[in-house]
Amino acid sequence: MLSERVKRLVPYTPGEQPQDKAYLKLNTNENPYPPSPRIKTILQDFDIESLRLYPDPLSERLRSQLGSRYGLSREEVFVSNGSDEALSFCFYAFFGNERGSLLFPQLTYSFFPVYCCFYDIAYEPIPLNRDFTINLGKFVQKGGCGTILANPNAPTGVALSLKEISDFLESYPPDKVVVIDEAYVDFGAESAAPLVRRFPNLAVVRTFSKSMSLAGLRLGFVLASEGLISALFTVKDSFNSYPVDMLSQSIAEVALSDEVYYQAITRAIISAREAFRESLLAMDWNVLPSKANFVFARKGGLSGKEVYLELKKRGILVRYFGGEQTRDFVRITIGKKEDMERLTGEIRRAL
């Protein structure tokens, strides 16, 4: 009854969302702060009569606002239902087997190989350095049919500098697309958005889920040259010509207008992350340097699963990964200051 391609699929596994009791959720990289208070006004005043109409299929106002924010034109912006959908369209539009395998780090966002399987794209994972940094020289040597990078990387939180990315793009074949997934970039890394006009083969994928506290809205966007954006519209309009709903577009426009609020909560998360990292280091944990809203850490003598299970018993969820490189680590989302102080206390008592 099922197609052979469906039988071959190995789907992405999202973070645990248990329903048995209330947990302190530090496992899915959600923002601990609410979105901009201005959004309440638009929800209260929204004209429900308008919902009988289709939304703007081009999201023109939102794309114009995003373009202004990043110094680009509307034609250099694409919006989608979450950054995962944007990534999916990028895989379909930019990568194929006719020129080799798609390249990405061996340890990175686990949706990348899922999309390769879904679209039947050959891929080659490139090993990380021993310190979990990305060796961009290996990507230049391989070339492949293109490259996709998460920056900061997931689940490590380790980031590439803007200069490293710029130097890499200078050396990489200009006829092959480089996609950079910047889901966590606002927590201390440098965005590659300023490079979009300099490198027509660069696509930068962003999200409203993390730093803008709108994970429940499902809204992402892509910054790229007009040629790449046009290709994404071709894919979208061959799949779903009305992907981003009317209310989501309106909420996003309001969120973009409250930069002061979002800068404040981002600073609070960065401060909590650095304080928590220092606490773990003081307890002899190994903690990778993170520019994301999470840390990737391990405690000698304990597996990641043991840490996860012990903390879950105490009402705190973190995430562990069972792979060879990651089985001793847990990924811990940064919550509010008081959340991290509670976690630090439980770690002292239990681990």
C-alpha atoms as a PDB file:
ATOM      1  CA  MET A   1       0.000   0.000   0.000  1.00  0.00           C
ATOM      2  CA  LEU A   2       2.879   2.405   0.692  1.00  0.00           C
ATOM      3  CA  SER A   3       5.350   3.741  -1.833  1.00  0.00           C
ATOM      4  CA  GLU A   4       8.940   2.538  -1.647  1.00  0.00           C
ATOM      5  CA  ARG A   5      10.177   6.069  -0.952  1.00  0.00           C
ATOM      6  CA  VAL A   6       7.960   6.338   2.127  1.00  0.00           C
ATOM      7  CA  LYS A   7       9.269   3.020   3.415  1.00  0.00           C
ATOM      8  CA  ARG A   8      12.808   4.410   3.200  1.00  0.00           C
ATOM      9  CA  LEU A   9      12.077   7.588   5.161  1.00  0.00           C
ATOM     10  CA  VAL A  10      13.595   8.037   8.626  1.00  0.00           C
ATOM     11  CA  PRO A  11      11.729  11.027  10.101  1.00  0.00           C
ATOM     12  CA  TYR A  12      13.106  13.771  12.305  1.00  0.00           C
ATOM     13  CA  THR A  13      12.598  13.271  16.047  1.00  0.00           C
ATOM     14  CA  PRO A  14      11.457  16.464  17.811  1.00  0.00           C
ATOM     15  CA  GLY A  15      12.209  17.258  21.435  1.00  0.00           C
ATOM     16  CA  GLU A  16      10.200  15.447  24.074  1.00  0.00           C
ATOM     17  CA  GLN A  17       6.817  16.997  24.945  1.00  0.00           C
ATOM     18  CA  PRO A  18       5.550  14.877  27.876  1.00  0.00           C
ATOM     19  CA  GLN A  19       2.008  15.246  29.196  1.00  0.00           C
ATOM     20  CA  ASP A  20       2.291  13.257  32.440  1.00  0.00           C
ATOM     21  CA  LYS A  21       3.156  16.231  34.678  1.00  0.00           C
ATOM     22  CA  ALA A  22       4.509  19.771  34.648  1.00  0.00           C
ATOM     23  CA  TYR A  23       8.245  19.957  33.943  1.00  0.00           C
ATOM     24  CA  LEU A  24      10.757  22.727  33.721  1.00  0.00           C
ATOM     25  CA  LYS A  25      11.292  22.349  29.958  1.00  0.00           C
ATOM     26  CA  LEU A  26      14.900  22.953  29.031  1.00  0.00           C
ATOM     27  CA  ASN A  27      14.942  20.499  26.118  1.00  0.00           C
ATOM     28  CA  THR A  28      13.442  22.182  23.041  1.00  0.00           C
ATOM     29  CA  ASN A  29      15.251  25.554  22.877  1.00  0.00           C
ATOM     30  CA  GLU A  30      12.075  27.563  23.372  1.00  0.00           C
ATOM     31  CA  ASN A  31      12.395  31.152  24.532  1.00  0.00           C
ATOM     32  CA  PRO A  32      11.482  31.482  28.243  1.00  0.00           C
ATOM     33  CA  TYR A  33      10.060  34.984  27.725  1.00  0.00           C
ATOM     34  CA  PRO A  34       6.755  35.877  26.046  1.00  0.00           C
ATOM     35  CA  PRO A  35       6.665  37.623  22.670  1.00  0.00           C
ATOM     36  CA  SER A  36       6.322  41.385  22.374  1.00  0.00           C
ATOM     37  CA  PRO A  37       3.451  42.793  24.471  1.00  0.00           C
ATOM     38  CA  ARG A  38       2.388  44.722  21.378  1.00  0.00           C
ATOM     39  CA  ILE A  39       1.098  41.466  19.894  1.00  0.00           C
ATOM     40  CA  LYS A  40      -1.769  41.413  22.409  1.00  0.00           C
ATOM     41  CA  THR A  41      -3.222  44.504  20.765  1.00  0.00           C
ATOM     42  CA  ILE A  42      -3.365  43.006  17.299  1.00  0.00           C
ATOM     43  CA  LEU A  43      -4.944  39.813  18.647  1.00  0.00           C
ATOM     44  CA  GLN A  44      -7.604  41.836  20.463  1.00  0.00           C
ATOM     45  CA  ASP A  45      -8.315  44.095  17.486  1.00  0.00           C
ATOM     46  CA  PHE A  46      -7.999  41.530  14.682  1.00  0.00           C
ATOM     47  CA  ASP A  47     -10.913  41.647  12.234  1.00  0.00           C
ATOM     48  CA  ILE A  48     -12.143  38.051  12.133  1.00  0.00           C
ATOM     49  CA  GLU A  49     -14.254  38.909   9.076  1.00  0.00           C
ATOM     50  CA  SER A  50     -10.991  39.045   7.095  1.00  0.00           C
ATOM     51  CA  LEU A  51     -10.408  35.330   7.713  1.00  0.00           C
ATOM     52  CA  ARG A  52     -12.908  34.467   4.975  1.00  0.00           C
ATOM     53  CA  LEU A  53     -10.339  35.815   2.484  1.00  0.00           C
ATOM     54  CA  TYR A  54      -7.088  34.250   1.362  1.00  0.00           C
ATOM     55  CA  PRO A  55      -3.888  35.824   2.731  1.00  0.00           C
ATOM     56  CA  ASP A  56      -1.449  37.718   0.545  1.00  0.00           C
ATOM     57  CA  PRO A  57       0.385  34.842  -1.216  1.00  0.00           C
ATOM     58  CA  LEU A  58       3.479  37.018  -1.631  1.00  0.00           C
ATOM     59  CA  SER A  59       3.549  38.378   1.969  1.00  0.00           C
ATOM     60  CA  GLU A  60       4.566  41.684   0.423  1.00  0.00           C
ATOM     61  CA  ARG A  61       4.319  43.921   3.507  1.00  0.00           C
ATOM     62  CA  LEU A  62       6.180  41.462   5.706  1.00  0.00           C
ATOM     63  CA  ARG A  63       8.888  40.885   3.108  1.00  0.00           C
ATOM     64  CA  SER A  64       9.327  44.643   2.696  1.00  0.00           C
ATOM     65  CA  GLN A  65       9.690  45.053   6.452  1.00  0.00           C
ATOM     66  CA  LEU A  66      12.210  42.226   6.667  1.00  0.00           C
ATOM     67  CA  GLY A  67      14.117  43.665   3.727  1.00  0.00           C
ATOM     68  CA  SER A  68      14.367  47.050   5.445  1.00  0.00           C
ATOM     69  CA  ARG A  69      15.598  45.397   8.625  1.00  0.00           C
ATOM     70  CA  TYR A  70      18.459  43.639   6.831  1.00  0.00           C
ATOM     71  CA  GLY A  71      19.280  46.284   4.212  1.00  0.00           C
ATOM     72  CA  LEU A  72      17.736  44.304   1.353  1.00  0.00           C
ATOM     73  CA  SER A  73      14.854  44.691  -1.059  1.00  0.00           C
ATOM     74  CA  ARG A  74      11.559  42.819  -0.843  1.00  0.00           C
ATOM     75  CA  GLU A  75      12.691  40.747  -3.826  1.00  0.00           C
ATOM     76  CA  GLU A  76      15.569  39.397  -1.738  1.00  0.00           C
ATOM     77  CA  VAL A  77      13.279  37.985   0.986  1.00  0.00           C
ATOM     78  CA  PHE A  78      11.143  34.837   1.128  1.00  0.00           C
ATOM     79  CA  VAL A  79       8.805  33.845   4.000  1.00  0.00           C
ATOM     80  CA  SER A  80       7.495  30.412   4.971  1.00  0.00           C
ATOM     81  CA  ASN A  81       5.753  28.341   7.629  1.00  0.00           C
ATOM     82  CA  GLY A  82       8.721  28.070   9.967  1.00  0.00           C
ATOM     83  CA  SER A  83      12.358  27.862   8.973  1.00  0.00           C
ATOM     84  CA  ASP A  84      12.076  24.097   8.532  1.00  0.00           C
ATOM     85  CA  GLU A  85       9.750  24.635   5.589  1.00  0.00           C
ATOM     86  CA  ALA A  86      12.169  27.224   4.204  1.00  0.00           C
ATOM     87  CA  LEU A  87      14.988  24.699   4.548  1.00  0.00           C
ATOM     88  CA  SER A  88      12.894  22.068   2.790  1.00  0.00           C
ATOM     89  CA  PHE A  89      12.315  24.400  -0.148  1.00  0.00           C
ATOM     90  CA  CYS A  90      16.049  25.195  -0.235  1.00  0.00           C
ATOM     91  CA  PHE A  91      16.914  21.498  -0.445  1.00  0.00           C
ATOM     92  CA  TYR A  92      14.503  21.022  -3.340  1.00  0.00           C
ATOM     93  CA  ALA A  93      15.496  24.188  -5.194  1.00  0.00           C
ATOM     94  CA  PHE A  94      19.274  24.229  -4.828  1.00  0.00           C
ATOM     95  CA  PHE A  95      20.652  20.720  -4.356  1.00  0.00           C
ATOM     96  CA  GLY A  96      20.712  17.666  -6.611  1.00  0.00           C
ATOM     97  CA  ASN A  97      22.825  14.625  -7.383  1.00  0.00           C
ATOM     98  CA  GLU A  98      23.929  15.718 -10.845  1.00  0.00           C
ATOM     99  CA  ARG A  99      26.934  17.579  -9.433  1.00  0.00           C
ATOM    100  CA  GLY A 100      27.860  15.458  -6.437  1.00  0.00           C
ATOM    101  CA  SER A 101      26.759  15.078  -2.832  1.00  0.00           C
ATOM    102  CA  LEU A 102      25.413  17.765  -0.535  1.00  0.00           C
ATOM    103  CA  LEU A 103      27.919  18.648   2.197  1.00  0.00           C
ATOM    104  CA  PHE A 104      27.164  19.400   5.835  1.00  0.00           C
ATOM    105  CA  PRO A 105      28.919  18.754   9.163  1.00  0.00           C
ATOM    106  CA  GLN A 106      28.835  15.236  10.561  1.00  0.00           C
ATOM    107  CA  LEU A 107      27.300  16.593  13.757  1.00  0.00           C
ATOM    108  CA  THR A 108      24.636  19.197  13.006  1.00  0.00           C
ATOM    109  CA  TYR A 109      20.880  19.776  12.803  1.00  0.00           C
ATOM    110  CA  SER A 110      19.431  16.301  12.363  1.00  0.00           C
ATOM    111  CA  PHE A 111      16.783  17.480   9.880  1.00  0.00           C
ATOM    112  CA  PHE A 112      19.479  17.878   7.188  1.00  0.00           C
ATOM    113  CA  PRO A 113      19.838  14.133   6.438  1.00  0.00           C
ATOM    114  CA  VAL A 114      16.060  13.739   6.755  1.00  0.00           C
ATOM    115  CA  TYR A 115      15.502  16.204   3.921  1.00  0.00           C
ATOM    116  CA  CYS A 116      18.170  14.476   1.853  1.00  0.00           C
ATOM    117  CA  CYS A 117      16.314  11.203   2.262  1.00  0.00           C
ATOM    118  CA  PHE A 118      12.967  12.853   1.471  1.00  0.00           C
ATOM    119  CA  TYR A 119      14.246  14.446  -1.764  1.00  0.00           C
ATOM    120  CA  ASP A 120      16.633  11.614  -2.652  1.00  0.00           C
ATOM    121  CA  ILE A 121      19.726  13.836  -2.422  1.00  0.00           C
ATOM    122  CA  ALA A 122      23.075  12.153  -1.905  1.00  0.00           C
ATOM    123  CA  TYR A 123      24.997  13.691   0.995  1.00  0.00           C
ATOM    124  CA  GLU A 124      28.406  13.530   2.627  1.00  0.00           C
ATOM    125  CA  PRO A 125      28.834  14.447   6.296  1.00  0.00           C
ATOM    126  CA  ILE A 126      32.133  16.256   6.934  1.00  0.00           C
ATOM    127  CA  PRO A 127      33.808  15.381  10.281  1.00  0.00           C
ATOM    128  CA  LEU A 128      34.200  18.143  12.847  1.00  0.00           C
ATOM    129  CA  ASN A 129      37.510  19.056  14.415  1.00  0.00           C
ATOM    130  CA  ARG A 130      38.246  17.468  17.781  1.00  0.00           C
ATOM    131  CA  ASP A 131      37.058  20.610  19.559  1.00  0.00           C
ATOM    132  CA  PHE A 132      33.692  20.407  17.709  1.00  0.00           C
ATOM    133  CA  THR A 133      34.507  23.344  15.414  1.00  0.00           C
ATOM    134  CA  ILE A 134      33.745  23.146  11.682  1.00  0.00           C
ATOM    135  CA  ASN A 135      36.669  22.734   9.283  1.00  0.00           C
ATOM    136  CA  LEU A 136      35.528  24.826   6.328  1.00  0.00           C
ATOM    137  CA  GLY A 137      38.635  23.922   4.339  1.00  0.00           C
ATOM    138  CA  LYS A 138      37.306  20.389   3.940  1.00  0.00           C
ATOM    139  CA  PHE A 139      34.097  21.750   2.395  1.00  0.00           C
ATOM    140  CA  VAL A 140      36.095  23.766  -0.137  1.00  0.00           C
ATOM    141  CA  GLN A 141      38.147  20.684  -1.053  1.00  0.00           C
ATOM    142  CA  LYS A 142      35.044  18.530  -1.568  1.00  0.00           C
ATOM    143  CA  GLY A 143      32.864  21.075  -3.370  1.00  0.00           C
ATOM    144  CA  GLY A 144      29.866  18.745  -3.679  1.00  0.00           C
ATOM    145  CA  CYS A 145      26.578  19.933  -5.156  1.00  0.00           C
ATOM    146  CA  GLY A 146      26.346  22.570  -2.425  1.00  0.00           C
ATOM    147  CA  THR A 147      26.797  23.114   1.308  1.00  0.00           C
ATOM    148  CA  ILE A 148      24.447  23.697   4.222  1.00  0.00           C
ATOM    149  CA  LEU A 149      25.638  24.879   7.634  1.00  0.00           C
ATOM    150  CA  ALA A 150      23.864  25.695  10.872  1.00  0.00           C
ATOM    151  CA  ASN A 151      25.488  28.719  12.494  1.00  0.00           C
ATOM    152  CA  PRO A 152      25.633  28.523  15.453  1.00  0.00           C
ATOM    153  CA  ASN A 153      25.792  24.801  14.946  1.00  0.00           C
ATOM    154  CA  ALA A 154      23.294  22.474  16.586  1.00  0.00           C
ATOM    155  CA  PRO A 155      23.455  20.774  18.993  1.00  0.00           C
ATOM    156  CA  THR A 156      26.888  22.137  19.935  1.00  0.00           C
ATOM    157  CA  GLY A 157      26.181  25.888  19.959  1.00  0.00           C
ATOM    158  CA  VAL A 158      29.624  26.544  18.467  1.00  0.00           C
ATOM    159  CA  ALA A 159      29.625  29.425  15.967  1.00  0.00           C
ATOM    160  CA  LEU A 160      31.621  30.493  12.943  1.00  0.00           C
ATOM    161  CA  SER A 161      32.677  34.130  12.707  1.00  0.00           C
ATOM    162  CA  LEU A 162      31.512  36.361   9.880  1.00  0.00           C
ATOM    163  CA  LYS A 163      35.082  36.514   8.590  1.00  0.00           C
ATOM    164  CA  GLU A 164      35.318  32.723   8.497  1.00  0.00           C
ATOM    165  CA  ILE A 165      32.091  32.552   6.503  1.00  0.00           C
ATOM    166  CA  SER A 166      33.194  35.334   4.159  1.00  0.00           C
ATOM    167  CA  ASP A 167      36.570  33.693   3.522  1.00  0.00           C
ATOM    168  CA  PHE A 168      34.822  30.370   2.894  1.00  0.00           C
ATOM    169  CA  LEU A 169      32.442  31.904   0.346  1.00  0.00           C
ATOM    170  CA  GLU A 170      35.384  33.546  -1.412  1.00  0.00           C
ATOM    171  CA  SER A 171      36.926  30.105  -1.908  1.00  0.00           C
ATOM    172  CA  TYR A 172      33.783  28.069  -2.586  1.00  0.00           C
ATOM    173  CA  PRO A 173      32.573  27.519  -6.206  1.00  0.00           C
ATOM    174  CA  PRO A 174      30.257  30.458  -7.010  1.00  0.00           C
ATOM    175  CA  ASP A 175      27.894  28.257  -9.034  1.00  0.00           C
ATOM    176  CA  LYS A 176      27.045  26.112  -5.982  1.00  0.00           C
ATOM    177  CA  VAL A 177      24.658  27.335  -3.297  1.00  0.00           C
ATOM    178  CA  VAL A 178      25.636  27.720   0.352  1.00  0.00           C
ATOM    179  CA  VAL A 179      22.709  27.745   2.805  1.00  0.00           C
ATOM    180  CA  ILE A 180      23.319  28.996   6.340  1.00  0.00           C
ATOM    181  CA  ASP A 181      20.661  28.168   8.935  1.00  0.00           C
ATOM    182  CA  GLU A 182      20.758  30.984  11.493  1.00  0.00           C
ATOM    183  CA  ALA A 183      18.021  29.839  13.879  1.00  0.00           C
ATOM    184  CA  TYR A 184      20.135  30.781  16.930  1.00  0.00           C
ATOM    185  CA  VAL A 185      22.327  33.568  15.573  1.00  0.00           C
ATOM    186  CA  ASP A 186      20.769  36.352  17.663  1.00  0.00           C
ATOM    187  CA  PHE A 187      22.158  34.876  20.890  1.00  0.00           C
ATOM    188  CA  GLY A 188      25.688  36.079  20.264  1.00  0.00           C
ATOM    189  CA  ALA A 189      26.856  34.976  16.809  1.00  0.00           C
ATOM    190  CA  GLU A 190      27.334  37.072  13.672  1.00  0.00           C
ATOM    191  CA  SER A 191      24.732  36.918  10.916  1.00  0.00           C
ATOM    192  CA  ALA A 192      25.799  36.352   7.328  1.00  0.00           C
ATOM    193  CA  ALA A 193      22.948  38.586   6.107  1.00  0.00           C
ATOM    194  CA  PRO A 194      25.400  41.415   5.220  1.00  0.00           C
ATOM    195  CA  LEU A 195      27.056  39.041   2.726  1.00  0.00           C
ATOM    196  CA  VAL A 196      23.928  38.298   0.674  1.00  0.00           C
ATOM    197  CA  ARG A 197      24.528  40.938  -1.992  1.00  0.00           C
ATOM    198  CA  ARG A 198      28.213  40.152  -2.201  1.00  0.00           C
ATOM    199  CA  PHE A 199      27.650  36.425  -2.792  1.00  0.00           C
ATOM    200  CA  PRO A 200      24.701  35.563  -5.091  1.00  0.00           C
ATOM    201  CA  ASN A 201      25.081  31.879  -4.150  1.00  0.00           C
ATOM    202  CA  LEU A 202      24.374  32.518  -0.447  1.00  0.00           C
ATOM    203  CA  ALA A 203      20.990  31.872   1.210  1.00  0.00           C
ATOM    204  CA  VAL A 204      20.508  32.798   4.874  1.00  0.00           C
ATOM    205  CA  VAL A 205      17.606  31.071   6.656  1.00  0.00           C
ATOM    206  CA  ARG A 206      16.121  32.725   9.758  1.00  0.00           C
ATOM    207  CA  THR A 207      13.211  32.079  12.123  1.00  0.00           C
ATOM    208  CA  PHE A 208      10.791  33.922  14.394  1.00  0.00           C
ATOM    209  CA  SER A 209      10.749  30.925  16.760  1.00  0.00           C
ATOM    210  CA  LYS A 210      13.796  31.477  18.936  1.00  0.00           C
ATOM    211  CA  SER A 211      14.859  35.039  19.701  1.00  0.00           C
ATOM    212  CA  MET A 212      11.390  36.421  18.883  1.00  0.00           C
ATOM    213  CA  SER A 213       9.497  33.934  21.121  1.00  0.00           C
ATOM    214  CA  LEU A 214       7.084  32.870  18.375  1.00  0.00           C
ATOM    215  CA  ALA A 215       7.723  29.125  18.048  1.00  0.00           C
ATOM    216  CA  GLY A 216       3.969  28.503  18.144  1.00  0.00           C
ATOM    217  CA  LEU A 217       3.427  30.789  15.156  1.00  0.00           C
ATOM    218  CA  ARG A 218       5.589  28.750  12.741  1.00  0.00           C
ATOM    219  CA  LEU A 219       7.211  31.480  10.677  1.00  0.00           C
ATOM    220  CA  GLY A 220      10.584  31.562   8.944  1.00  0.00           C
ATOM    221  CA  PHE A 221      12.265  33.512   6.181  1.00  0.00           C
ATOM    222  CA  VAL A 222      15.159  33.431   3.728  1.00  0.00           C
ATOM    223  CA  LEU A 223      17.503  36.250   2.715  1.00  0.00           C
ATOM    224  CA  ALA A 224      19.184  35.696  -0.657  1.00  0.00           C
ATOM    225  CA  SER A 225      19.747  37.070  -4.150  1.00  0.00           C
ATOM    226  CA  GLU A 226      16.708  37.682  -6.332  1.00  0.00           C
ATOM    227  CA  GLY A 227      17.581  34.637  -8.432  1.00  0.00           C
ATOM    228  CA  LEU A 228      17.561  32.272  -5.456  1.00  0.00           C
ATOM    229  CA  ILE A 229      14.413  33.835  -4.001  1.00  0.00           C
ATOM    230  CA  SER A 230      12.657  33.434  -7.360  1.00  0.00           C
ATOM    231  CA  ALA A 231      13.538  29.724  -7.310  1.00  0.00           C
ATOM    232  CA  LEU A 232      12.044  29.362  -3.819  1.00  0.00           C
ATOM    233  CA  PHE A 233       8.814  30.970  -5.005  1.00  0.00           C
ATOM    234  CA  THR A 234       8.703  28.502  -7.874  1.00  0.00           C
ATOM    235  CA  VAL A 235       8.970  25.625  -5.389  1.00  0.00           C
ATOM    236  CA  LYS A 236       6.386  27.162  -3.041  1.00  0.00           C
ATOM    237  CA  ASP A 237       3.872  27.842  -5.784  1.00  0.00           C
ATOM    238  CA  SER A 238       4.259  24.265  -7.013  1.00  0.00           C
ATOM    239  CA  PHE A 239       3.466  23.003  -3.520  1.00  0.00           C
ATOM    240  CA  ASN A 240       1.218  25.507  -1.697  1.00  0.00           C
ATOM    241  CA  SER A 241       0.593  28.989  -3.052  1.00  0.00           C
ATOM    242  CA  TYR A 242      -0.834  30.340   0.243  1.00  0.00           C
ATOM    243  CA  PRO A 243       1.566  29.077   2.913  1.00  0.00           C
ATOM    244  CA  VAL A 244       1.716  31.923   5.474  1.00  0.00           C
ATOM    245  CA  ASP A 245      -1.646  32.816   6.962  1.00  0.00           C
ATOM    246  CA  MET A 246      -3.020  36.329   7.364  1.00  0.00           C
ATOM    247  CA  LEU A 247      -2.769  36.459  11.172  1.00  0.00           C
ATOM    248  CA  SER A 248       0.813  35.188  11.204  1.00  0.00           C
ATOM    249  CA  GLN A 249       1.869  37.859   8.738  1.00  0.00           C
ATOM    250  CA  SER A 250       0.263  40.578  10.891  1.00  0.00           C
ATOM    251  CA  ILE A 251       1.805  39.289  14.124  1.00  0.00           C
ATOM    252  CA  ALA A 252       5.244  39.110  12.533  1.00  0.00           C
ATOM    253  CA  GLU A 253       4.990  42.713  11.345  1.00  0.00           C
ATOM    254  CA  VAL A 254       4.196  43.853  14.890  1.00  0.00           C
ATOM    255  CA  ALA A 255       6.998  41.750  16.376  1.00  0.00           C
ATOM    256  CA  LEU A 256       9.520  43.305  14.006  1.00  0.00           C
ATOM    257  CA  SER A 257       8.491  46.756  15.233  1.00  0.00           C
ATOM    258  CA  ASP A 258       9.519  46.021  18.845  1.00  0.00           C
ATOM    259  CA  GLU A 259      13.258  45.565  18.518  1.00  0.00           C
ATOM    260  CA  VAL A 260      13.979  47.177  21.917  1.00  0.00           C
ATOM    261  CA  TYR A 261      11.942  44.514  23.745  1.00  0.00           C
ATOM    262  CA  TYR A 262      13.566  41.637  21.909  1.00  0.00           C
ATOM    263  CA  GLN A 263      17.068  42.981  22.437  1.00  0.00           C
ATOM    264  CA  ALA A 264      16.369  43.142  26.175  1.00  0.00           C
ATOM    265  CA  ILE A 265      15.176  39.552  26.522  1.00  0.00           C
ATOM    266  CA  THR A 266      18.012  38.300  24.322  1.00  0.00           C
ATOM    267  CA  ARG A 267      20.543  40.022  26.597  1.00  0.00           C
ATOM    268  CA  ALA A 268      18.869  38.371  29.599  1.00  0.00           C
ATOM    269  CA  ILE A 269      19.181  34.920  28.003  1.00  0.00           C
ATOM    270  CA  ILE A 270      22.842  35.494  27.097  1.00  0.00           C
ATOM    271  CA  SER A 271      23.550  36.618  30.674  1.00  0.00           C
ATOM    272  CA  ALA A 272      21.800  33.541  32.110  1.00  0.00           C
ATOM    273  CA  ARG A 273      23.718  31.295  29.699  1.00  0.00           C
ATOM    274  CA  GLU A 274      27.110  32.659  30.684  1.00  0.00           C
ATOM    275  CA  ALA A 275      26.338  32.462  34.411  1.00  0.00           C
ATOM    276  CA  PHE A 276      25.106  28.878  34.040  1.00  0.00           C
ATOM    277  CA  ARG A 277      28.157  27.918  32.000  1.00  0.00           C
ATOM    278  CA  GLU A 278      30.433  29.275  34.734  1.00  0.00           C
ATOM    279  CA  SER A 279      28.498  27.273  37.327  1.00  0.00           C
ATOM    280  CA  LEU A 280      28.932  24.060  35.341  1.00  0.00           C
ATOM    281  CA  LEU A 281      32.644  24.705  34.820  1.00  0.00           C
ATOM    282  CA  ALA A 282      33.014  25.236  38.551  1.00  0.00           C
ATOM    283  CA  MET A 283      31.485  21.762  39.066  1.00  0.00           C
ATOM    284  CA  ASP A 284      34.049  20.223  36.666  1.00  0.00           C
ATOM    285  CA  TRP A 285      31.734  19.867  33.692  1.00  0.00           C
ATOM    286  CA  ASN A 286      33.000  20.182  30.149  1.00  0.00           C
ATOM    287  CA  VAL A 287      30.945  22.880  28.402  1.00  0.00           C
ATOM    288  CA  LEU A 288      31.377  23.867  24.763  1.00  0.00           C
ATOM    289  CA  PRO A 289      31.478  27.630  24.068  1.00  0.00           C
ATOM    290  CA  SER A 290      27.952  28.500  22.960  1.00  0.00           C
ATOM    291  CA  LYS A 291      26.515  31.376  20.945  1.00  0.00           C
ATOM    292  CA  ALA A 292      23.010  29.889  21.046  1.00  0.00           C
ATOM    293  CA  ASN A 293      20.223  29.756  23.631  1.00  0.00           C
ATOM    294  CA  PHE A 294      21.509  26.420  24.889  1.00  0.00           C
ATOM    295  CA  VAL A 295      24.716  24.773  26.069  1.00  0.00           C
ATOM    296  CA  PHE A 296      26.153  21.389  25.150  1.00  0.00           C
ATOM    297  CA  ALA A 297      27.804  19.880  28.198  1.00  0.00           C
ATOM    298  CA  ARG A 298      29.020  16.658  29.775  1.00  0.00           C
ATOM    299  CA  LYS A 299      30.096  15.433  33.193  1.00  0.00           C
ATOM    300  CA  GLY A 300      32.982  12.969  33.340  1.00  0.00           C
ATOM    301  CA  GLY A 301      31.897   9.486  34.421  1.00  0.00           C
ATOM    302  CA  LEU A 302      28.259   9.971  33.440  1.00  0.00           C
ATOM    303  CA  SER A 303      26.488   9.338  30.150  1.00  0.00           C
ATOM    304  CA  GLY A 304      24.105  11.883  28.722  1.00  0.00           C
ATOM    305  CA  LYS A 305      21.252   9.468  29.270  1.00  0.00           C
ATOM    306  CA  GLU A 306      22.086   9.128  32.973  1.00  0.00           C
ATOM    307  CA  VAL A 307      22.090  12.895  33.390  1.00  0.00           C
ATOM    308  CA  TYR A 308      18.826  13.208  31.483  1.00  0.00           C
ATOM    309  CA  LEU A 309      17.063  10.514  33.523  1.00  0.00           C
ATOM    310  CA  GLU A 310      18.210  11.871  36.877  1.00  0.00           C
ATOM    311  CA  LEU A 311      17.082  15.394  36.066  1.00  0.00           C
ATOM    312  CA  LYS A 312      13.769  14.158  34.674  1.00  0.00           C
ATOM    313  CA  LYS A 313      13.080  12.455  38.001  1.00  0.00           C
ATOM    314  CA  ARG A 314      13.550  15.882  39.553  1.00  0.00           C
ATOM    315  CA  GLY A 315      11.095  17.549  37.182  1.00  0.00           C
ATOM    316  CA  ILE A 316      13.566  19.066  34.703  1.00  0.00           C
ATOM    317  CA  LEU A 317      13.800  18.086  31.049  1.00  0.00           C
ATOM    318  CA  VAL A 318      17.047  18.348  29.082  1.00  0.00           C
ATOM    319  CA  ARG A 319      17.902  16.568  25.852  1.00  0.00           C
ATOM    320  CA  TYR A 320      20.443  13.877  25.137  1.00  0.00           C
ATOM    321  CA  PHE A 321      21.504  12.359  21.823  1.00  0.00           C
ATOM    322  CA  GLY A 322      22.553   8.755  21.464  1.00  0.00           C
ATOM    323  CA  GLY A 323      25.178   9.088  18.734  1.00  0.00           C
ATOM    324  CA  GLU A 324      28.799   8.099  19.194  1.00  0.00           C
ATOM    325  CA  GLN A 325      30.025  11.698  19.369  1.00  0.00           C
ATOM    326  CA  THR A 326      27.174  12.949  21.524  1.00  0.00           C
ATOM    327  CA  ARG A 327      26.177  10.186  23.937  1.00  0.00           C
ATOM    328  CA  ASP A 328      28.104  11.694  26.855  1.00  0.00           C
ATOM    329  CA  PHE A 329      26.546  15.144  26.356  1.00  0.00           C
ATOM    330  CA  VAL A 330      23.249  16.774  27.181  1.00  0.00           C
ATOM    331  CA  ARG A 331      21.883  19.855  25.466  1.00  0.00           C
ATOM    332  CA  ILE A 332      20.401  22.277  27.965  1.00  0.00           C
ATOM    333  CA  THR A 333      18.130  25.121  26.880  1.00  0.00           C
ATOM    334  CA  ILE A 334      18.713  28.413  28.673  1.00  0.00           C
ATOM    335  CA  GLY A 335      15.664  29.573  30.607  1.00  0.00           C
ATOM    336  CA  LYS A 336      15.235  32.539  32.899  1.00  0.00           C
ATOM    337  CA  LYS A 337      17.826  33.247  35.578  1.00  0.00           C
ATOM    338  CA  GLU A 338      15.717  31.529  38.240  1.00  0.00           C
ATOM    339  CA  ASP A 339      15.253  28.459  36.009  1.00  0.00           C
ATOM    340  CA  MET A 340      18.992  28.044  35.634  1.00  0.00           C
ATOM    341  CA  GLU A 341      19.571  28.560  39.359  1.00  0.00           C
ATOM    342  CA  ARG A 342      17.066  25.782  40.085  1.00  0.00           C
ATOM    343  CA  LEU A 343      18.800  23.486  37.606  1.00  0.00           C
ATOM    344  CA  THR A 344      22.223  24.303  39.066  1.00  0.00           C
ATOM    345  CA  GLY A 345      20.961  23.378  42.529  1.00  0.00           C
ATOM    346  CA  GLU A 346      19.564  20.053  41.318  1.00  0.00           C
ATOM    347  CA  ILE A 347      22.815  19.231  39.538  1.00  0.00           C
ATOM    348  CA  ARG A 348      24.795  19.922  42.712  1.00  0.00           C
ATOM    349  CA  ARG A 349      22.520  17.663  44.739  1.00  0.00           C
ATOM    350  CA  ALA A 350      22.099  14.829  42.250  1.00  0.00           C
ATOM    351  CA  LEU A 351      25.160  14.730  39.989  1.00  0.00           C
END
